[in-house]
Amino acid sequence: MRVLVADDDRDLATVLTDCVVACGHEVVDTVSGGGLAVIQSFARHAPDAVLLDIQMPRCNGLTVCHALLSRKPGTRVILISGRMERDHPFVSDCGAAGYLHKPVGLSELQAALAGALE
């Protein structure tokens, strides 16, 4: 699966990228420049899935999720957050395929990516 990794924490984005590769998937881009940069990268690379941090500058992950799904409805967005919970109405109603709570473990990430394939 072709995955776009997006987190405004550059170090965490790099770790997530390494983990996605370790799970056997291709990373098409790693974005740490904020929500608008994610939308631009998505348009360039057309990934199958997006690992997307919720708390990002210049357009948060929930807004980005809506924008991506309106452009390509079949995209599997997996939200990541250390502050918002899975059952928060904004998270549960945004159309994301999955949710991971930070810190993200490799087995959790692998399960989320496998679930996105289904």
PDB file of N, CA and C in Angstrom:
ATOM      1  N   MET A   1       0.848  -1.167   0.000  1.00  0.00           N
ATOM      2  CA  MET A   1       0.000   0.000   0.000  1.00  0.00           C
ATOM      3  C   MET A   1       0.899   1.237   0.000  1.00  0.00           C
ATOM      4  N   ARG A   2       0.476   2.272  -0.709  1.00  0.00           N
ATOM      5  CA  ARG A   2       1.216   3.528  -0.794  1.00  0.00           C
ATOM      6  C   ARG A   2       0.690   4.473   0.286  1.00  0.00           C
ATOM      7  N   VAL A   3       1.584   4.911   1.180  1.00  0.00           N
ATOM      8  CA  VAL A   3       1.182   5.671   2.367  1.00  0.00           C
ATOM      9  C   VAL A   3       1.858   7.041   2.410  1.00  0.00           C
ATOM     10  N   LEU A   4       1.074   8.055   2.748  1.00  0.00           N
ATOM     11  CA  LEU A   4       1.582   9.399   3.022  1.00  0.00           C
ATOM     12  C   LEU A   4       1.603   9.559   4.535  1.00  0.00           C
ATOM     13  N   VAL A   5       2.743   9.951   5.097  1.00  0.00           N
ATOM     14  CA  VAL A   5       2.892  10.146   6.535  1.00  0.00           C
ATOM     15  C   VAL A   5       2.915  11.646   6.819  1.00  0.00           C
ATOM     16  N   ALA A   6       2.053  12.097   7.738  1.00  0.00           N
ATOM     17  CA  ALA A   6       1.962  13.526   8.032  1.00  0.00           C
ATOM     18  C   ALA A   6       1.882  13.774   9.532  1.00  0.00           C
ATOM     19  N   ASP A   7       2.904  14.418  10.061  1.00  0.00           N
ATOM     20  CA  ASP A   7       2.946  14.826  11.467  1.00  0.00           C
ATOM     21  C   ASP A   7       3.830  16.055  11.558  1.00  0.00           C
ATOM     22  N   ASP A   8       3.378  17.088  12.273  1.00  0.00           N
ATOM     23  CA  ASP A   8       4.166  18.318  12.337  1.00  0.00           C
ATOM     24  C   ASP A   8       5.440  18.172  13.167  1.00  0.00           C
ATOM     25  N   ASP A   9       5.538  17.104  13.939  1.00  0.00           N
ATOM     26  CA  ASP A   9       6.774  16.803  14.669  1.00  0.00           C
ATOM     27  C   ASP A   9       7.674  16.010  13.713  1.00  0.00           C
ATOM     28  N   ARG A  10       8.692  16.659  13.201  1.00  0.00           N
ATOM     29  CA  ARG A  10       9.557  16.055  12.176  1.00  0.00           C
ATOM     30  C   ARG A  10      10.176  14.738  12.634  1.00  0.00           C
ATOM     31  N   ASP A  11      10.615  14.671  13.888  1.00  0.00           N
ATOM     32  CA  ASP A  11      11.225  13.433  14.393  1.00  0.00           C
ATOM     33  C   ASP A  11      10.213  12.291  14.432  1.00  0.00           C
ATOM     34  N   LEU A  12       9.011  12.591  14.904  1.00  0.00           N
ATOM     35  CA  LEU A  12       7.974  11.561  14.952  1.00  0.00           C
ATOM     36  C   LEU A  12       7.573  11.135  13.543  1.00  0.00           C
ATOM     37  N   ALA A  13       7.506  12.078  12.619  1.00  0.00           N
ATOM     38  CA  ALA A  13       7.182  11.743  11.232  1.00  0.00           C
ATOM     39  C   ALA A  13       8.215  10.779  10.655  1.00  0.00           C
ATOM     40  N   THR A  14       9.477  10.998  10.988  1.00  0.00           N
ATOM     41  CA  THR A  14      10.542  10.114  10.515  1.00  0.00           C
ATOM     42  C   THR A  14      10.401   8.722  11.119  1.00  0.00           C
ATOM     43  N   VAL A  15      10.093   8.653  12.412  1.00  0.00           N
ATOM     44  CA  VAL A  15       9.898   7.357  13.071  1.00  0.00           C
ATOM     45  C   VAL A  15       8.705   6.628  12.469  1.00  0.00           C
ATOM     46  N   LEU A  16       7.607   7.351  12.250  1.00  0.00           N
ATOM     47  CA  LEU A  16       6.426   6.730  11.644  1.00  0.00           C
ATOM     48  C   LEU A  16       6.731   6.210  10.241  1.00  0.00           C
ATOM     49  N   THR A  17       7.502   6.974   9.492  1.00  0.00           N
ATOM     50  CA  THR A  17       7.906   6.553   8.147  1.00  0.00           C
ATOM     51  C   THR A  17       8.679   5.241   8.210  1.00  0.00           C
ATOM     52  N   ASP A  18       9.638   5.167   9.116  1.00  0.00           N
ATOM     53  CA  ASP A  18      10.421   3.940   9.275  1.00  0.00           C
ATOM     54  C   ASP A  18       9.524   2.761   9.665  1.00  0.00           C
ATOM     55  N   CYS A  19       8.542   3.021  10.523  1.00  0.00           N
ATOM     56  CA  CYS A  19       7.634   1.959  10.967  1.00  0.00           C
ATOM     57  C   CYS A  19       6.736   1.478   9.833  1.00  0.00           C
ATOM     58  N   VAL A  20       6.246   2.406   9.017  1.00  0.00           N
ATOM     59  CA  VAL A  20       5.405   2.025   7.871  1.00  0.00           C
ATOM     60  C   VAL A  20       6.206   1.134   6.919  1.00  0.00           C
ATOM     61  N   VAL A  21       7.449   1.501   6.657  1.00  0.00           N
ATOM     62  CA  VAL A  21       8.318   0.687   5.802  1.00  0.00           C
ATOM     63  C   VAL A  21       8.556  -0.683   6.438  1.00  0.00           C
ATOM     64  N   ALA A  22       8.773  -0.709   7.753  1.00  0.00           N
ATOM     65  CA  ALA A  22       8.985  -1.978   8.462  1.00  0.00           C
ATOM     66  C   ALA A  22       7.748  -2.877   8.386  1.00  0.00           C
ATOM     67  N   CYS A  23       6.581  -2.269   8.203  1.00  0.00           N
ATOM     68  CA  CYS A  23       5.337  -3.035   8.066  1.00  0.00           C
ATOM     69  C   CYS A  23       5.123  -3.514   6.635  1.00  0.00           C
ATOM     70  N   GLY A  24       6.059  -3.179   5.745  1.00  0.00           N
ATOM     71  CA  GLY A  24       5.993  -3.674   4.379  1.00  0.00           C
ATOM     72  C   GLY A  24       5.248  -2.791   3.400  1.00  0.00           C
ATOM     73  N   HIS A  25       5.075  -1.518   3.745  1.00  0.00           N
ATOM     74  CA  HIS A  25       4.363  -0.600   2.861  1.00  0.00           C
ATOM     75  C   HIS A  25       5.316   0.435   2.285  1.00  0.00           C
ATOM     76  N   GLU A  26       4.910   1.065   1.201  1.00  0.00           N
ATOM     77  CA  GLU A  26       5.701   2.104   0.558  1.00  0.00           C
ATOM     78  C   GLU A  26       5.271   3.470   1.074  1.00  0.00           C
ATOM     79  N   VAL A  27       6.227   4.288   1.492  1.00  0.00           N
ATOM     80  CA  VAL A  27       5.937   5.658   1.904  1.00  0.00           C
ATOM     81  C   VAL A  27       6.188   6.563   0.697  1.00  0.00           C
ATOM     82  N   VAL A  28       5.133   7.248   0.240  1.00  0.00           N
ATOM     83  CA  VAL A  28       5.267   8.103  -0.941  1.00  0.00           C
ATOM     84  C   VAL A  28       5.782   9.487  -0.583  1.00  0.00           C
ATOM     85  N   ASP A  29       5.557   9.911   0.675  1.00  0.00           N
ATOM     86  CA  ASP A  29       6.060  11.206   1.131  1.00  0.00           C
ATOM     87  C   ASP A  29       5.897  11.285   2.635  1.00  0.00           C
ATOM     88  N   THR A  30       6.756  12.087   3.257  1.00  0.00           N
ATOM     89  CA  THR A  30       6.661  12.383   4.678  1.00  0.00           C
ATOM     90  C   THR A  30       6.544  13.896   4.794  1.00  0.00           C
ATOM     91  N   VAL A  31       5.448  14.364   5.393  1.00  0.00           N
ATOM     92  CA  VAL A  31       5.163  15.793   5.470  1.00  0.00           C
ATOM     93  C   VAL A  31       5.148  16.238   6.924  1.00  0.00           C
ATOM     94  N   SER A  32       5.888  17.299   7.217  1.00  0.00           N
ATOM     95  CA  SER A  32       5.861  17.855   8.569  1.00  0.00           C
ATOM     96  C   SER A  32       5.595  19.360   8.537  1.00  0.00           C
ATOM     97  N   GLY A  33       5.147  19.871   7.393  1.00  0.00           N
ATOM     98  CA  GLY A  33       4.945  21.303   7.227  1.00  0.00           C
ATOM     99  C   GLY A  33       3.549  21.800   7.521  1.00  0.00           C
ATOM    100  N   GLY A  34       2.646  20.973   8.007  1.00  0.00           N
ATOM    101  CA  GLY A  34       1.299  21.422   8.326  1.00  0.00           C
ATOM    102  C   GLY A  34       0.266  20.898   7.344  1.00  0.00           C
ATOM    103  N   GLY A  35      -0.991  21.219   7.641  1.00  0.00           N
ATOM    104  CA  GLY A  35      -2.114  20.683   6.903  1.00  0.00           C
ATOM    105  C   GLY A  35      -2.152  21.016   5.427  1.00  0.00           C
ATOM    106  N   LEU A  36      -1.851  22.247   5.077  1.00  0.00           N
ATOM    107  CA  LEU A  36      -1.873  22.611   3.657  1.00  0.00           C
ATOM    108  C   LEU A  36      -0.826  21.844   2.862  1.00  0.00           C
ATOM    109  N   ALA A  37       0.330  21.613   3.474  1.00  0.00           N
ATOM    110  CA  ALA A  37       1.378  20.836   2.813  1.00  0.00           C
ATOM    111  C   ALA A  37       0.920  19.389   2.601  1.00  0.00           C
ATOM    112  N   VAL A  38       0.118  18.859   3.516  1.00  0.00           N
ATOM    113  CA  VAL A  38      -0.410  17.498   3.370  1.00  0.00           C
ATOM    114  C   VAL A  38      -1.336  17.426   2.158  1.00  0.00           C
ATOM    115  N   ILE A  39      -2.230  18.407   2.035  1.00  0.00           N
ATOM    116  CA  ILE A  39      -3.164  18.429   0.904  1.00  0.00           C
ATOM    117  C   ILE A  39      -2.398  18.511  -0.420  1.00  0.00           C
ATOM    118  N   GLN A  40      -1.367  19.325  -0.459  1.00  0.00           N
ATOM    119  CA  GLN A  40      -0.559  19.453  -1.675  1.00  0.00           C
ATOM    120  C   GLN A  40       0.164  18.152  -2.009  1.00  0.00           C
ATOM    121  N   SER A  41       0.740  17.511  -0.997  1.00  0.00           N
ATOM    122  CA  SER A  41       1.438  16.247  -1.215  1.00  0.00           C
ATOM    123  C   SER A  41       0.461  15.161  -1.665  1.00  0.00           C
ATOM    124  N   PHE A  42      -0.710  15.148  -1.080  1.00  0.00           N
ATOM    125  CA  PHE A  42      -1.746  14.183  -1.454  1.00  0.00           C
ATOM    126  C   PHE A  42      -2.097  14.324  -2.937  1.00  0.00           C
ATOM    127  N   ALA A  43      -2.227  15.557  -3.398  1.00  0.00           N
ATOM    128  CA  ALA A  43      -2.555  15.809  -4.805  1.00  0.00           C
ATOM    129  C   ALA A  43      -1.425  15.320  -5.726  1.00  0.00           C
ATOM    130  N   ARG A  44      -0.176  15.475  -5.293  1.00  0.00           N
ATOM    131  CA  ARG A  44       0.972  15.047  -6.103  1.00  0.00           C
ATOM    132  C   ARG A  44       1.148  13.545  -6.147  1.00  0.00           C
ATOM    133  N   HIS A  45       0.951  12.875  -5.021  1.00  0.00           N
ATOM    134  CA  HIS A  45       1.323  11.463  -4.894  1.00  0.00           C
ATOM    135  C   HIS A  45       0.155  10.472  -4.940  1.00  0.00           C
ATOM    136  N   ALA A  46      -1.074  10.937  -4.722  1.00  0.00           N
ATOM    137  CA  ALA A  46      -2.271  10.070  -4.737  1.00  0.00           C
ATOM    138  C   ALA A  46      -2.068   8.770  -3.956  1.00  0.00           C
ATOM    139  N   PRO A  47      -1.782   8.864  -2.651  1.00  0.00           N
ATOM    140  CA  PRO A  47      -1.553   7.644  -1.854  1.00  0.00           C
ATOM    141  C   PRO A  47      -2.848   6.867  -1.620  1.00  0.00           C
ATOM    142  N   ASP A  48      -2.695   5.614  -1.232  1.00  0.00           N
ATOM    143  CA  ASP A  48      -3.842   4.778  -0.866  1.00  0.00           C
ATOM    144  C   ASP A  48      -4.301   5.075   0.555  1.00  0.00           C
ATOM    145  N   ALA A  49      -3.342   5.454   1.413  1.00  0.00           N
ATOM    146  CA  ALA A  49      -3.632   5.714   2.822  1.00  0.00           C
ATOM    147  C   ALA A  49      -2.804   6.896   3.307  1.00  0.00           C
ATOM    148  N   VAL A  50      -3.327   7.554   4.350  1.00  0.00           N
ATOM    149  CA  VAL A  50      -2.632   8.697   4.946  1.00  0.00           C
ATOM    150  C   VAL A  50      -2.613   8.519   6.456  1.00  0.00           C
ATOM    151  N   LEU A  51      -1.419   8.535   7.045  1.00  0.00           N
ATOM    152  CA  LEU A  51      -1.269   8.595   8.499  1.00  0.00           C
ATOM    153  C   LEU A  51      -1.239  10.074   8.833  1.00  0.00           C
ATOM    154  N   LEU A  52      -2.211  10.562   9.576  1.00  0.00           N
ATOM    155  CA  LEU A  52      -2.433  11.994   9.702  1.00  0.00           C
ATOM    156  C   LEU A  52      -2.577  12.438  11.150  1.00  0.00           C
ATOM    157  N   ASP A  53      -1.653  13.264  11.585  1.00  0.00           N
ATOM    158  CA  ASP A  53      -1.723  13.861  12.917  1.00  0.00           C
ATOM    159  C   ASP A  53      -2.907  14.827  12.969  1.00  0.00           C
ATOM    160  N   ILE A  54      -3.619  14.862  14.073  1.00  0.00           N
ATOM    161  CA  ILE A  54      -4.760  15.776  14.202  1.00  0.00           C
ATOM    162  C   ILE A  54      -4.298  17.202  14.483  1.00  0.00           C
ATOM    163  N   GLN A  55      -3.344  17.367  15.389  1.00  0.00           N
ATOM    164  CA  GLN A  55      -2.894  18.702  15.786  1.00  0.00           C
ATOM    165  C   GLN A  55      -1.755  19.159  14.890  1.00  0.00           C
ATOM    166  N   MET A  56      -2.096  19.965  13.876  1.00  0.00           N
ATOM    167  CA  MET A  56      -1.084  20.491  12.965  1.00  0.00           C
ATOM    168  C   MET A  56      -1.379  21.959  12.677  1.00  0.00           C
ATOM    169  N   PRO A  57      -0.342  22.732  12.358  1.00  0.00           N
ATOM    170  CA  PRO A  57      -0.560  24.138  12.018  1.00  0.00           C
ATOM    171  C   PRO A  57      -1.138  24.294  10.607  1.00  0.00           C
ATOM    172  N   ARG A  58      -1.714  25.449  10.369  1.00  0.00           N
ATOM    173  CA  ARG A  58      -2.246  25.808   9.048  1.00  0.00           C
ATOM    174  C   ARG A  58      -3.256  24.821   8.508  1.00  0.00           C
ATOM    175  N   CYS A  59      -4.175  24.380   9.286  1.00  0.00           N
ATOM    176  CA  CYS A  59      -5.210  23.439   8.852  1.00  0.00           C
ATOM    177  C   CYS A  59      -5.025  22.149   9.653  1.00  0.00           C
ATOM    178  N   ASN A  60      -5.892  21.899  10.619  1.00  0.00           N
ATOM    179  CA  ASN A  60      -5.704  20.710  11.455  1.00  0.00           C
ATOM    180  C   ASN A  60      -6.055  19.429  10.704  1.00  0.00           C
ATOM    181  N   GLY A  61      -5.707  18.314  11.290  1.00  0.00           N
ATOM    182  CA  GLY A  61      -5.881  17.024  10.643  1.00  0.00           C
ATOM    183  C   GLY A  61      -7.322  16.664  10.346  1.00  0.00           C
ATOM    184  N   LEU A  62      -8.262  17.127  11.161  1.00  0.00           N
ATOM    185  CA  LEU A  62      -9.667  16.832  10.910  1.00  0.00           C
ATOM    186  C   LEU A  62     -10.141  17.536   9.642  1.00  0.00           C
ATOM    187  N   THR A  63      -9.740  18.784   9.475  1.00  0.00           N
ATOM    188  CA  THR A  63     -10.077  19.534   8.267  1.00  0.00           C
ATOM    189  C   THR A  63      -9.409  18.908   7.054  1.00  0.00           C
ATOM    190  N   VAL A  64      -8.150  18.518   7.223  1.00  0.00           N
ATOM    191  CA  VAL A  64      -7.419  17.866   6.124  1.00  0.00           C
ATOM    192  C   VAL A  64      -8.101  16.553   5.747  1.00  0.00           C
ATOM    193  N   CYS A  65      -8.531  15.784   6.733  1.00  0.00           N
ATOM    194  CA  CYS A  65      -9.210  14.517   6.477  1.00  0.00           C
ATOM    195  C   CYS A  65     -10.434  14.745   5.592  1.00  0.00           C
ATOM    196  N   HIS A  66     -11.256  15.716   5.943  1.00  0.00           N
ATOM    197  CA  HIS A  66     -12.441  16.032   5.126  1.00  0.00           C
ATOM    198  C   HIS A  66     -12.037  16.417   3.706  1.00  0.00           C
ATOM    199  N   ALA A  67     -10.996  17.235   3.589  1.00  0.00           N
ATOM    200  CA  ALA A  67     -10.539  17.691   2.265  1.00  0.00           C
ATOM    201  C   ALA A  67     -10.051  16.514   1.414  1.00  0.00           C
ATOM    202  N   LEU A  68      -9.282  15.606   2.019  1.00  0.00           N
ATOM    203  CA  LEU A  68      -8.753  14.458   1.273  1.00  0.00           C
ATOM    204  C   LEU A  68      -9.870  13.528   0.827  1.00  0.00           C
ATOM    205  N   LEU A  69     -10.807  13.271   1.724  1.00  0.00           N
ATOM    206  CA  LEU A  69     -11.895  12.353   1.389  1.00  0.00           C
ATOM    207  C   LEU A  69     -12.843  12.954   0.351  1.00  0.00           C
ATOM    208  N   SER A  70     -12.937  14.275   0.318  1.00  0.00           N
ATOM    209  CA  SER A  70     -13.779  14.893  -0.719  1.00  0.00           C
ATOM    210  C   SER A  70     -13.107  14.801  -2.086  1.00  0.00           C
ATOM    211  N   ARG A  71     -11.767  14.761  -2.106  1.00  0.00           N
ATOM    212  CA  ARG A  71     -11.038  14.642  -3.368  1.00  0.00           C
ATOM    213  C   ARG A  71     -10.974  13.207  -3.868  1.00  0.00           C
ATOM    214  N   LYS A  72     -10.791  12.266  -2.924  1.00  0.00           N
ATOM    215  CA  LYS A  72     -10.666  10.850  -3.285  1.00  0.00           C
ATOM    216  C   LYS A  72     -11.333  10.019  -2.183  1.00  0.00           C
ATOM    217  N   PRO A  73     -12.642   9.780  -2.308  1.00  0.00           N
ATOM    218  CA  PRO A  73     -13.409   9.131  -1.242  1.00  0.00           C
ATOM    219  C   PRO A  73     -12.878   7.782  -0.763  1.00  0.00           C
ATOM    220  N   GLY A  74     -12.190   7.024  -1.587  1.00  0.00           N
ATOM    221  CA  GLY A  74     -11.687   5.719  -1.181  1.00  0.00           C
ATOM    222  C   GLY A  74     -10.409   5.750  -0.373  1.00  0.00           C
ATOM    223  N   THR A  75      -9.864   6.927  -0.131  1.00  0.00           N
ATOM    224  CA  THR A  75      -8.616   7.049   0.631  1.00  0.00           C
ATOM    225  C   THR A  75      -8.832   6.608   2.067  1.00  0.00           C
ATOM    226  N   ARG A  76      -7.888   5.857   2.595  1.00  0.00           N
ATOM    227  CA  ARG A  76      -7.957   5.390   3.981  1.00  0.00           C
ATOM    228  C   ARG A  76      -7.117   6.334   4.838  1.00  0.00           C
ATOM    229  N   VAL A  77      -7.777   7.142   5.655  1.00  0.00           N
ATOM    230  CA  VAL A  77      -7.098   8.076   6.546  1.00  0.00           C
ATOM    231  C   VAL A  77      -7.063   7.470   7.938  1.00  0.00           C
ATOM    232  N   ILE A  78      -5.861   7.412   8.513  1.00  0.00           N
ATOM    233  CA  ILE A  78      -5.695   6.943   9.885  1.00  0.00           C
ATOM    234  C   ILE A  78      -5.207   8.135  10.689  1.00  0.00           C
ATOM    235  N   LEU A  79      -6.063   8.610  11.602  1.00  0.00           N
ATOM    236  CA  LEU A  79      -5.718   9.760  12.424  1.00  0.00           C
ATOM    237  C   LEU A  79      -4.821   9.347  13.576  1.00  0.00           C
ATOM    238  N   ILE A  80      -3.945  10.261  13.973  1.00  0.00           N
ATOM    239  CA  ILE A  80      -3.032  10.029  15.091  1.00  0.00           C
ATOM    240  C   ILE A  80      -3.113  11.239  16.013  1.00  0.00           C
ATOM    241  N   SER A  81      -3.247  10.985  17.316  1.00  0.00           N
ATOM    242  CA  SER A  81      -3.284  12.102  18.255  1.00  0.00           C
ATOM    243  C   SER A  81      -2.844  11.661  19.647  1.00  0.00           C
ATOM    244  N   GLY A  82      -2.262  12.576  20.341  1.00  0.00           N
ATOM    245  CA  GLY A  82      -1.929  12.355  21.742  1.00  0.00           C
ATOM    246  C   GLY A  82      -2.833  13.154  22.652  1.00  0.00           C
ATOM    247  N   ARG A  83      -3.727  13.970  22.048  1.00  0.00           N
ATOM    248  CA  ARG A  83      -4.574  14.864  22.838  1.00  0.00           C
ATOM    249  C   ARG A  83      -6.063  14.577  22.712  1.00  0.00           C
ATOM    250  N   MET A  84      -6.508  14.202  21.527  1.00  0.00           N
ATOM    251  CA  MET A  84      -7.934  13.926  21.312  1.00  0.00           C
ATOM    252  C   MET A  84      -8.169  12.424  21.367  1.00  0.00           C
ATOM    253  N   GLU A  85      -9.285  12.040  21.924  1.00  0.00           N
ATOM    254  CA  GLU A  85      -9.618  10.626  22.041  1.00  0.00           C
ATOM    255  C   GLU A  85     -10.451  10.170  20.838  1.00  0.00           C
ATOM    256  N   ARG A  86     -10.413   8.886  20.583  1.00  0.00           N
ATOM    257  CA  ARG A  86     -11.121   8.261  19.465  1.00  0.00           C
ATOM    258  C   ARG A  86     -12.622   8.570  19.484  1.00  0.00           C
ATOM    259  N   ASP A  87     -13.208   8.642  20.675  1.00  0.00           N
ATOM    260  CA  ASP A  87     -14.652   8.834  20.770  1.00  0.00           C
ATOM    261  C   ASP A  87     -15.087  10.300  20.758  1.00  0.00           C
ATOM    262  N   HIS A  88     -14.150  11.231  20.591  1.00  0.00           N
ATOM    263  CA  HIS A  88     -14.510  12.643  20.471  1.00  0.00           C
ATOM    264  C   HIS A  88     -15.359  12.791  19.208  1.00  0.00           C
ATOM    265  N   PRO A  89     -16.481  13.534  19.267  1.00  0.00           N
ATOM    266  CA  PRO A  89     -17.368  13.647  18.095  1.00  0.00           C
ATOM    267  C   PRO A  89     -16.661  14.123  16.821  1.00  0.00           C
ATOM    268  N   PHE A  90     -15.716  15.027  16.930  1.00  0.00           N
ATOM    269  CA  PHE A  90     -15.006  15.494  15.735  1.00  0.00           C
ATOM    270  C   PHE A  90     -14.201  14.368  15.105  1.00  0.00           C
ATOM    271  N   VAL A  91     -13.641  13.495  15.932  1.00  0.00           N
ATOM    272  CA  VAL A  91     -12.836  12.380  15.432  1.00  0.00           C
ATOM    273  C   VAL A  91     -13.739  11.295  14.855  1.00  0.00           C
ATOM    274  N   SER A  92     -14.752  10.916  15.602  1.00  0.00           N
ATOM    275  CA  SER A  92     -15.600   9.803  15.168  1.00  0.00           C
ATOM    276  C   SER A  92     -16.468  10.139  13.957  1.00  0.00           C
ATOM    277  N   ASP A  93     -16.698  11.423  13.693  1.00  0.00           N
ATOM    278  CA  ASP A  93     -17.567  11.821  12.580  1.00  0.00           C
ATOM    279  C   ASP A  93     -16.830  12.325  11.344  1.00  0.00           C
ATOM    280  N   CYS A  94     -15.510  12.228  11.309  1.00  0.00           N
ATOM    281  CA  CYS A  94     -14.774  12.841  10.189  1.00  0.00           C
ATOM    282  C   CYS A  94     -14.560  11.901   9.012  1.00  0.00           C
ATOM    283  N   GLY A  95     -14.908  10.626   9.151  1.00  0.00           N
ATOM    284  CA  GLY A  95     -14.785   9.694   8.035  1.00  0.00           C
ATOM    285  C   GLY A  95     -13.469   8.942   7.968  1.00  0.00           C
ATOM    286  N   ALA A  96     -12.639   9.083   8.991  1.00  0.00           N
ATOM    287  CA  ALA A  96     -11.351   8.385   9.003  1.00  0.00           C
ATOM    288  C   ALA A  96     -11.564   6.877   9.141  1.00  0.00           C
ATOM    289  N   ALA A  97     -10.642   6.114   8.557  1.00  0.00           N
ATOM    290  CA  ALA A  97     -10.703   4.655   8.598  1.00  0.00           C
ATOM    291  C   ALA A  97     -10.165   4.094   9.907  1.00  0.00           C
ATOM    292  N   GLY A  98      -9.378   4.890  10.617  1.00  0.00           N
ATOM    293  CA  GLY A  98      -8.779   4.401  11.850  1.00  0.00           C
ATOM    294  C   GLY A  98      -8.255   5.528  12.707  1.00  0.00           C
ATOM    295  N   TYR A  99      -7.837   5.164  13.909  1.00  0.00           N
ATOM    296  CA  TYR A  99      -7.325   6.131  14.873  1.00  0.00           C
ATOM    297  C   TYR A  99      -6.247   5.456  15.712  1.00  0.00           C
ATOM    298  N   LEU A 100      -5.152   6.160  15.931  1.00  0.00           N
ATOM    299  CA  LEU A 100      -4.077   5.673  16.799  1.00  0.00           C
ATOM    300  C   LEU A 100      -3.762   6.744  17.835  1.00  0.00           C
ATOM    301  N   HIS A 101      -3.582   6.304  19.076  1.00  0.00           N
ATOM    302  CA  HIS A 101      -3.230   7.233  20.149  1.00  0.00           C
ATOM    303  C   HIS A 101      -1.716   7.241  20.324  1.00  0.00           C
ATOM    304  N   LYS A 102      -1.141   8.430  20.398  1.00  0.00           N
ATOM    305  CA  LYS A 102       0.312   8.557  20.622  1.00  0.00           C
ATOM    306  C   LYS A 102       0.627   8.229  22.066  1.00  0.00           C
ATOM    307  N   PRO A 103       1.740   7.604  22.341  1.00  0.00           N
ATOM    308  CA  PRO A 103       2.738   7.111  21.397  1.00  0.00           C
ATOM    309  C   PRO A 103       2.231   5.857  20.683  1.00  0.00           C
ATOM    310  N   VAL A 104       2.561   5.748  19.419  1.00  0.00           N
ATOM    311  CA  VAL A 104       2.092   4.656  18.570  1.00  0.00           C
ATOM    312  C   VAL A 104       3.105   3.523  18.590  1.00  0.00           C
ATOM    313  N   GLY A 105       2.639   2.335  18.919  1.00  0.00           N
ATOM    314  CA  GLY A 105       3.491   1.153  18.891  1.00  0.00           C
ATOM    315  C   GLY A 105       3.488   0.517  17.505  1.00  0.00           C
ATOM    316  N   LEU A 106       4.538  -0.198  17.191  1.00  0.00           N
ATOM    317  CA  LEU A 106       4.654  -0.837  15.876  1.00  0.00           C
ATOM    318  C   LEU A 106       3.508  -1.808  15.622  1.00  0.00           C
ATOM    319  N   SER A 107       3.133  -2.599  16.609  1.00  0.00           N
ATOM    320  CA  SER A 107       2.048  -3.571  16.408  1.00  0.00           C
ATOM    321  C   SER A 107       0.713  -2.863  16.194  1.00  0.00           C
ATOM    322  N   GLU A 108       0.494  -1.745  16.873  1.00  0.00           N
ATOM    323  CA  GLU A 108      -0.735  -0.969  16.676  1.00  0.00           C
ATOM    324  C   GLU A 108      -0.781  -0.390  15.264  1.00  0.00           C
ATOM    325  N   LEU A 109       0.344   0.135  14.819  1.00  0.00           N
ATOM    326  CA  LEU A 109       0.427   0.703  13.475  1.00  0.00           C
ATOM    327  C   LEU A 109       0.194  -0.382  12.429  1.00  0.00           C
ATOM    328  N   GLN A 110       0.817  -1.522  12.623  1.00  0.00           N
ATOM    329  CA  GLN A 110       0.666  -2.634  11.680  1.00  0.00           C
ATOM    330  C   GLN A 110      -0.798  -3.055  11.599  1.00  0.00           C
ATOM    331  N   ALA A 111      -1.477  -3.132  12.739  1.00  0.00           N
ATOM    332  CA  ALA A 111      -2.886  -3.517  12.748  1.00  0.00           C
ATOM    333  C   ALA A 111      -3.763  -2.464  12.060  1.00  0.00           C
ATOM    334  N   ALA A 112      -3.468  -1.190  12.284  1.00  0.00           N
ATOM    335  CA  ALA A 112      -4.234  -0.105  11.654  1.00  0.00           C
ATOM    336  C   ALA A 112      -4.059  -0.128  10.134  1.00  0.00           C
ATOM    337  N   LEU A 113      -2.841  -0.357   9.684  1.00  0.00           N
ATOM    338  CA  LEU A 113      -2.585  -0.413   8.238  1.00  0.00           C
ATOM    339  C   LEU A 113      -3.258  -1.638   7.619  1.00  0.00           C
ATOM    340  N   ALA A 114      -3.216  -2.760   8.328  1.00  0.00           N
ATOM    341  CA  ALA A 114      -3.890  -3.965   7.832  1.00  0.00           C
ATOM    342  C   ALA A 114      -5.399  -3.736   7.773  1.00  0.00           C
ATOM    343  N   GLY A 115      -5.947  -3.063   8.770  1.00  0.00           N
ATOM    344  CA  GLY A 115      -7.371  -2.744   8.777  1.00  0.00           C
ATOM    345  C   GLY A 115      -7.743  -1.804   7.638  1.00  0.00           C
ATOM    346  N   ALA A 116      -6.847  -0.911   7.283  1.00  0.00           N
ATOM    347  CA  ALA A 116      -7.110   0.025   6.184  1.00  0.00           C
ATOM    348  C   ALA A 116      -7.162  -0.690   4.847  1.00  0.00           C
ATOM    349  N   LEU A 117      -6.507  -1.828   4.745  1.00  0.00           N
ATOM    350  CA  LEU A 117      -6.530  -2.602   3.502  1.00  0.00           C
ATOM    351  C   LEU A 117      -7.851  -3.321   3.279  1.00  0.00           C
ATOM    352  N   GLU A 118      -8.577  -3.558   4.376  1.00  0.00           N
ATOM    353  CA  GLU A 118      -9.843  -4.318   4.283  1.00  0.00           C
ATOM    354  C   GLU A 118     -10.961  -3.466   3.737  1.00  0.00           C
TER     355      GLU A 118
END
